[in-house]
Amino acid sequence: MKLRISASGWRCRCNSKHGMFPCRVPPSPDVMAATFMQYQRSGKSGKLSFRQYLVDIGFIDPSIGVAGMDDAVQFVPTPGGPEMLAIPAQPVLGEVQVKALLVDFSDRPGVLPPSHYQDLLFSQGIYPTGSMRDYFKEVSLGKVD
């Protein structure tokens, strides 16, 4: 499901009838388990199937007819097809200036020192899997540092 922001607000692209955010989604497995337990305790389990019980209590499955909702679809294709990225007119070469913003929130302050992130992002040859700098140097065949 993809959301778009338009002049009139949020728009959902899940092809639902209402088309406005938020979209209805199937209940979590915990909710379905609790509903099944209610079905067992209701005394209707001998007379109705679980599916019939859901209809009886007014449950409507919002995933019916929506691609990607419990039907093994991995993505909903966009109407216009894939979007192309613009290639920069000037090739990216040499030293690239990158800024990293570290934020401490009042309810969750940072626990690692800024030097950890300095090494993680900008070091050369320190981490066995490489830093961000090592990655871009490798994929650009040494053209970006």
Protein backbone atom coordinates (compact mmCIF):
# COMPACT_ATOMS: atom_id res chain seq x y z
CA MET A 1 0.00 0.00 0.00
CA LYS A 2 1.35 3.41 -0.85
CA LEU A 3 0.29 6.78 0.47
CA ARG A 4 0.40 10.01 -1.44
CA ILE A 5 0.11 13.48 -0.06
CA SER A 6 -2.07 15.65 -2.24
CA ALA A 7 -3.45 19.14 -1.89
CA SER A 8 -6.58 17.65 -0.35
CA GLY A 9 -4.68 15.55 2.21
CA TRP A 10 -3.70 11.91 2.52
CA ARG A 11 -4.81 9.56 -0.23
CA CYS A 12 -4.55 5.80 0.00
CA ARG A 13 -3.69 3.80 -3.09
CA CYS A 14 -4.96 0.44 -1.83
CA ASN A 15 -7.99 0.67 -4.17
CA SER A 16 -10.46 0.63 -1.32
CA LYS A 17 -13.87 2.19 -1.81
CA HIS A 18 -13.36 5.01 0.67
CA GLY A 19 -9.86 5.93 -0.56
CA MET A 20 -9.03 8.07 2.46
CA PHE A 21 -6.35 7.46 5.09
CA PRO A 22 -6.42 5.41 7.33
CA CYS A 23 -7.09 2.13 5.56
CA ARG A 24 -8.78 -0.80 7.19
CA VAL A 25 -6.53 -3.81 7.60
CA PRO A 26 -7.17 -7.40 8.69
CA PRO A 27 -7.09 -7.95 12.45
CA SER A 28 -3.92 -9.21 14.09
CA PRO A 29 -3.57 -12.92 14.85
CA ASP A 30 -4.15 -12.11 18.54
CA VAL A 31 -7.51 -10.53 17.75
CA MET A 32 -8.48 -13.49 15.57
CA ALA A 33 -7.47 -15.91 18.35
CA ALA A 34 -9.58 -13.97 20.88
CA THR A 35 -12.51 -13.93 18.44
CA PHE A 36 -12.17 -17.69 17.96
CA MET A 37 -12.23 -18.19 21.74
CA GLN A 38 -15.42 -16.10 21.92
CA TYR A 39 -16.84 -18.33 19.17
CA GLN A 40 -15.98 -21.44 21.20
CA ARG A 41 -17.60 -19.98 24.35
CA SER A 42 -20.69 -18.65 22.55
CA GLY A 43 -22.33 -22.05 22.19
CA LYS A 44 -22.68 -21.50 18.43
CA SER A 45 -19.67 -23.64 17.51
CA GLY A 46 -21.91 -26.70 17.02
CA LYS A 47 -24.37 -24.82 14.80
CA LEU A 48 -22.20 -22.42 12.80
CA SER A 49 -18.77 -22.64 11.20
CA PHE A 50 -16.26 -20.03 12.36
CA ARG A 51 -16.71 -18.21 9.04
CA GLN A 52 -20.50 -18.16 9.52
CA TYR A 53 -19.99 -16.94 13.11
CA LEU A 54 -17.88 -14.03 11.85
CA VAL A 55 -20.69 -13.04 9.47
CA ASP A 56 -23.21 -13.44 12.31
CA ILE A 57 -21.31 -11.01 14.58
CA GLY A 58 -20.86 -8.50 11.74
CA PHE A 59 -17.18 -9.06 11.00
CA ILE A 60 -16.30 -7.86 7.51
CA ASP A 61 -12.90 -8.82 6.14
CA PRO A 62 -11.39 -5.60 4.74
CA SER A 63 -8.71 -7.54 2.84
CA ILE A 64 -11.10 -9.14 0.35
CA GLY A 65 -10.42 -7.82 -3.13
CA VAL A 66 -7.39 -5.71 -2.13
CA ALA A 67 -4.13 -6.79 -3.76
CA GLY A 68 -1.41 -7.44 -1.20
CA MET A 69 -3.75 -8.24 1.69
CA ASP A 70 -3.37 -11.91 2.67
CA ASP A 71 -3.08 -13.08 -0.95
CA ALA A 72 0.71 -13.51 -1.34
CA VAL A 73 1.04 -10.43 -3.57
CA GLN A 74 4.37 -8.83 -2.76
CA PHE A 75 3.58 -5.34 -4.02
CA VAL A 76 0.85 -3.37 -5.74
CA PRO A 77 2.16 -2.09 -9.05
CA THR A 78 1.86 1.65 -9.53
CA PRO A 79 -0.39 2.76 -12.39
CA GLY A 80 2.40 4.62 -14.20
CA GLY A 81 5.01 1.87 -13.95
CA PRO A 82 8.48 2.29 -12.48
CA GLU A 83 9.77 5.80 -11.97
CA MET A 84 13.15 6.75 -13.34
CA LEU A 85 15.71 8.69 -11.31
CA ALA A 86 17.40 11.67 -12.89
CA ILE A 87 21.09 11.15 -13.56
CA PRO A 88 23.15 14.15 -12.38
CA ALA A 89 24.52 16.30 -15.20
CA GLN A 90 27.93 16.36 -13.49
CA PRO A 91 29.39 13.02 -12.38
CA VAL A 92 29.96 12.63 -8.66
CA LEU A 93 33.73 12.42 -8.19
CA GLY A 94 36.30 13.03 -5.48
CA GLU A 95 35.55 14.07 -1.94
CA VAL A 96 31.84 14.29 -1.11
CA GLN A 97 30.72 16.42 1.83
CA VAL A 98 28.24 14.49 4.00
CA LYS A 99 26.51 15.71 7.14
CA ALA A 100 25.27 13.38 9.86
CA LEU A 101 22.78 14.64 12.40
CA LEU A 102 22.75 12.95 15.80
CA VAL A 103 19.71 13.71 17.95
CA ASP A 104 19.08 13.03 21.63
CA PHE A 105 15.39 12.77 22.46
CA SER A 106 14.21 13.53 25.99
CA ASP A 107 12.62 10.10 26.31
CA ARG A 108 15.48 8.27 24.60
CA PRO A 109 18.91 9.89 24.85
CA GLY A 110 21.80 8.53 22.85
CA VAL A 111 24.04 6.02 24.60
CA LEU A 112 26.93 5.80 22.13
CA PRO A 113 29.52 8.56 21.77
CA PRO A 114 29.62 10.63 18.56
CA SER A 115 33.02 9.06 17.76
CA HIS A 116 31.22 5.72 17.24
CA TYR A 117 29.15 7.23 14.43
CA GLN A 118 32.16 9.09 13.05
CA ASP A 119 33.94 5.75 12.64
CA LEU A 120 30.82 3.91 11.45
CA LEU A 121 30.17 6.40 8.66
CA PHE A 122 33.50 7.94 7.69
CA SER A 123 36.36 5.61 8.71
CA GLN A 124 38.53 3.71 6.25
CA GLY A 125 39.30 0.05 6.83
CA ILE A 126 38.27 -0.09 10.52
CA TYR A 127 35.13 -2.23 10.28
CA PRO A 128 35.32 -5.70 8.68
CA THR A 129 32.14 -4.94 6.71
CA GLY A 130 33.32 -1.41 5.91
CA SER A 131 32.00 2.04 6.67
CA MET A 132 29.70 4.15 4.50
CA ARG A 133 32.83 5.79 3.09
CA ASP A 134 34.36 2.38 2.27
CA TYR A 135 31.11 1.34 0.56
CA PHE A 136 30.89 4.36 -1.73
CA LYS A 137 34.58 4.13 -2.56
CA GLU A 138 34.11 0.48 -3.56
CA VAL A 139 30.94 0.88 -5.64
CA SER A 140 32.32 3.94 -7.45
CA LEU A 141 35.54 2.05 -8.25
CA GLY A 142 37.55 4.59 -6.27
CA LYS A 143 36.03 7.69 -7.91
CA VAL A 144 34.27 8.87 -4.73
CA ASP A 145 36.02 9.37 -1.40
